[in-house]
Amino acid sequence: MSEQITEEIENNEHVFKLFVDGKMMCGARTLSYSLLLNITTTKGEERKGYSKKPLRHIEELAKENGVKQMKTDNIDSCSSEAVCFFKNMGYRLEPIKL
């Protein structure tokens, strides 16, 4: 099985794609590696661990670029799957402040 993560810049966003055997399995977008705009897995490929690889790749790039904290404002807090994913990846979720 061959895996490849690509990175492109689109509209000032870093766009990452994970390909496995030539098929795109996951995509993610960041702003300056410090704000995760989104991360999605190809429909039908969920829960197979594909989102972990690009996220870890982005974390490494963030460290290399001096980023000390990565944030996101795009987690569906009603999605137990999304919340569990980020918690399992070591992220701390904070309550929404009004």
Protein backbone atom coordinates (compact mmCIF):
# COMPACT_ATOMS: atom_id res chain seq x y z
CA MET A 1 0.00 0.00 0.00
CA SER A 2 1.50 3.35 -1.02
CA GLU A 3 0.60 6.54 0.85
CA GLN A 4 1.32 10.13 -0.14
CA ILE A 5 0.39 13.44 1.45
CA THR A 6 0.37 16.43 -0.87
CA GLU A 7 0.26 20.11 0.03
CA GLU A 8 -0.89 23.02 -2.13
CA ILE A 9 -1.67 26.66 -1.43
CA GLU A 10 -5.14 27.89 -2.42
CA ASN A 11 -6.42 31.34 -1.39
CA ASN A 12 -3.75 31.61 1.36
CA GLU A 13 -4.82 28.23 2.78
CA HIS A 14 -2.62 25.15 2.98
CA VAL A 15 -4.54 22.28 1.40
CA PHE A 16 -3.46 18.73 2.28
CA LYS A 17 -4.61 15.52 0.65
CA LEU A 18 -3.85 11.96 1.68
CA PHE A 19 -3.72 9.49 -1.19
CA VAL A 20 -3.62 5.73 -0.64
CA ASP A 21 -2.84 3.68 -3.72
CA GLY A 22 -3.71 6.71 -5.83
CA LYS A 23 -7.14 7.29 -4.24
CA MET A 24 -7.79 10.39 -2.14
CA MET A 25 -8.82 9.30 1.35
CA CYS A 26 -8.66 12.51 3.37
CA GLY A 27 -8.36 16.26 2.92
CA ALA A 28 -7.53 19.07 5.33
CA ARG A 29 -7.14 22.85 5.17
CA THR A 30 -5.17 25.15 7.47
CA LEU A 31 -4.33 28.82 7.74
CA SER A 32 -0.62 29.27 8.55
CA TYR A 33 -0.61 25.77 10.10
CA SER A 34 -2.10 27.33 13.24
CA LEU A 35 -5.82 27.25 12.41
CA LEU A 36 -7.32 23.98 11.23
CA LEU A 37 -10.18 25.00 8.95
CA ASN A 38 -11.44 21.50 8.25
CA ILE A 39 -10.49 17.86 7.93
CA THR A 40 -12.67 15.37 6.09
CA THR A 41 -12.45 11.74 5.10
CA THR A 42 -13.74 10.43 1.79
CA LYS A 43 -17.28 9.08 2.11
CA GLY A 44 -17.22 5.35 2.80
CA GLU A 45 -13.67 5.48 4.19
CA GLU A 46 -14.52 6.89 7.64
CA ARG A 47 -13.20 5.31 10.84
CA LYS A 48 -10.20 3.72 9.13
CA GLY A 49 -7.60 6.09 10.59
CA TYR A 50 -7.06 8.17 7.45
CA SER A 51 -7.62 11.53 9.19
CA LYS A 52 -4.84 10.87 11.70
CA LYS A 53 -2.05 10.89 9.12
CA PRO A 54 -2.62 14.34 7.60
CA LEU A 55 -3.33 15.83 11.03
CA ARG A 56 -0.01 14.50 12.41
CA HIS A 57 1.72 15.77 9.24
CA ILE A 58 0.22 19.24 9.77
CA GLU A 59 1.30 19.18 13.42
CA GLU A 60 4.90 18.46 12.38
CA LEU A 61 4.87 21.29 9.86
CA ALA A 62 3.39 23.59 12.49
CA LYS A 63 6.25 22.76 14.88
CA GLU A 64 8.83 23.32 12.14
CA ASN A 65 7.27 26.74 11.50
CA GLY A 66 7.28 27.79 15.16
CA VAL A 67 3.57 27.30 15.81
CA LYS A 68 2.98 26.46 19.46
CA GLN A 69 -0.78 26.00 19.38
CA MET A 70 -3.18 24.88 16.69
CA LYS A 71 -6.83 25.85 16.94
CA THR A 72 -10.01 25.10 15.09
CA ASP A 73 -13.38 26.75 15.13
CA ASN A 74 -15.02 24.19 12.91
CA ILE A 75 -15.67 21.17 15.13
CA ASP A 76 -19.27 20.08 15.29
CA SER A 77 -19.63 19.79 19.06
CA CYS A 78 -22.82 17.77 18.53
CA SER A 79 -20.86 15.14 16.61
CA SER A 80 -19.57 12.62 19.14
CA GLU A 81 -17.40 11.16 16.37
CA ALA A 82 -15.61 14.49 15.77
CA VAL A 83 -15.25 15.22 19.48
CA CYS A 84 -13.85 11.72 20.17
CA PHE A 85 -11.44 11.99 17.22
CA PHE A 86 -9.88 15.22 18.47
CA LYS A 87 -9.77 14.05 22.09
CA ASN A 88 -8.08 10.81 21.01
CA MET A 89 -5.54 12.88 19.06
CA GLY A 90 -4.68 14.74 22.28
CA TYR A 91 -6.61 17.95 21.69
CA ARG A 92 -8.36 19.88 24.42
CA LEU A 93 -11.85 21.07 23.61
CA GLU A 94 -13.00 24.27 25.26
CA PRO A 95 -16.58 25.37 25.80
CA ILE A 96 -18.03 28.03 23.56
CA LYS A 97 -17.78 31.44 25.21
CA LEU A 98 -20.62 33.90 24.80
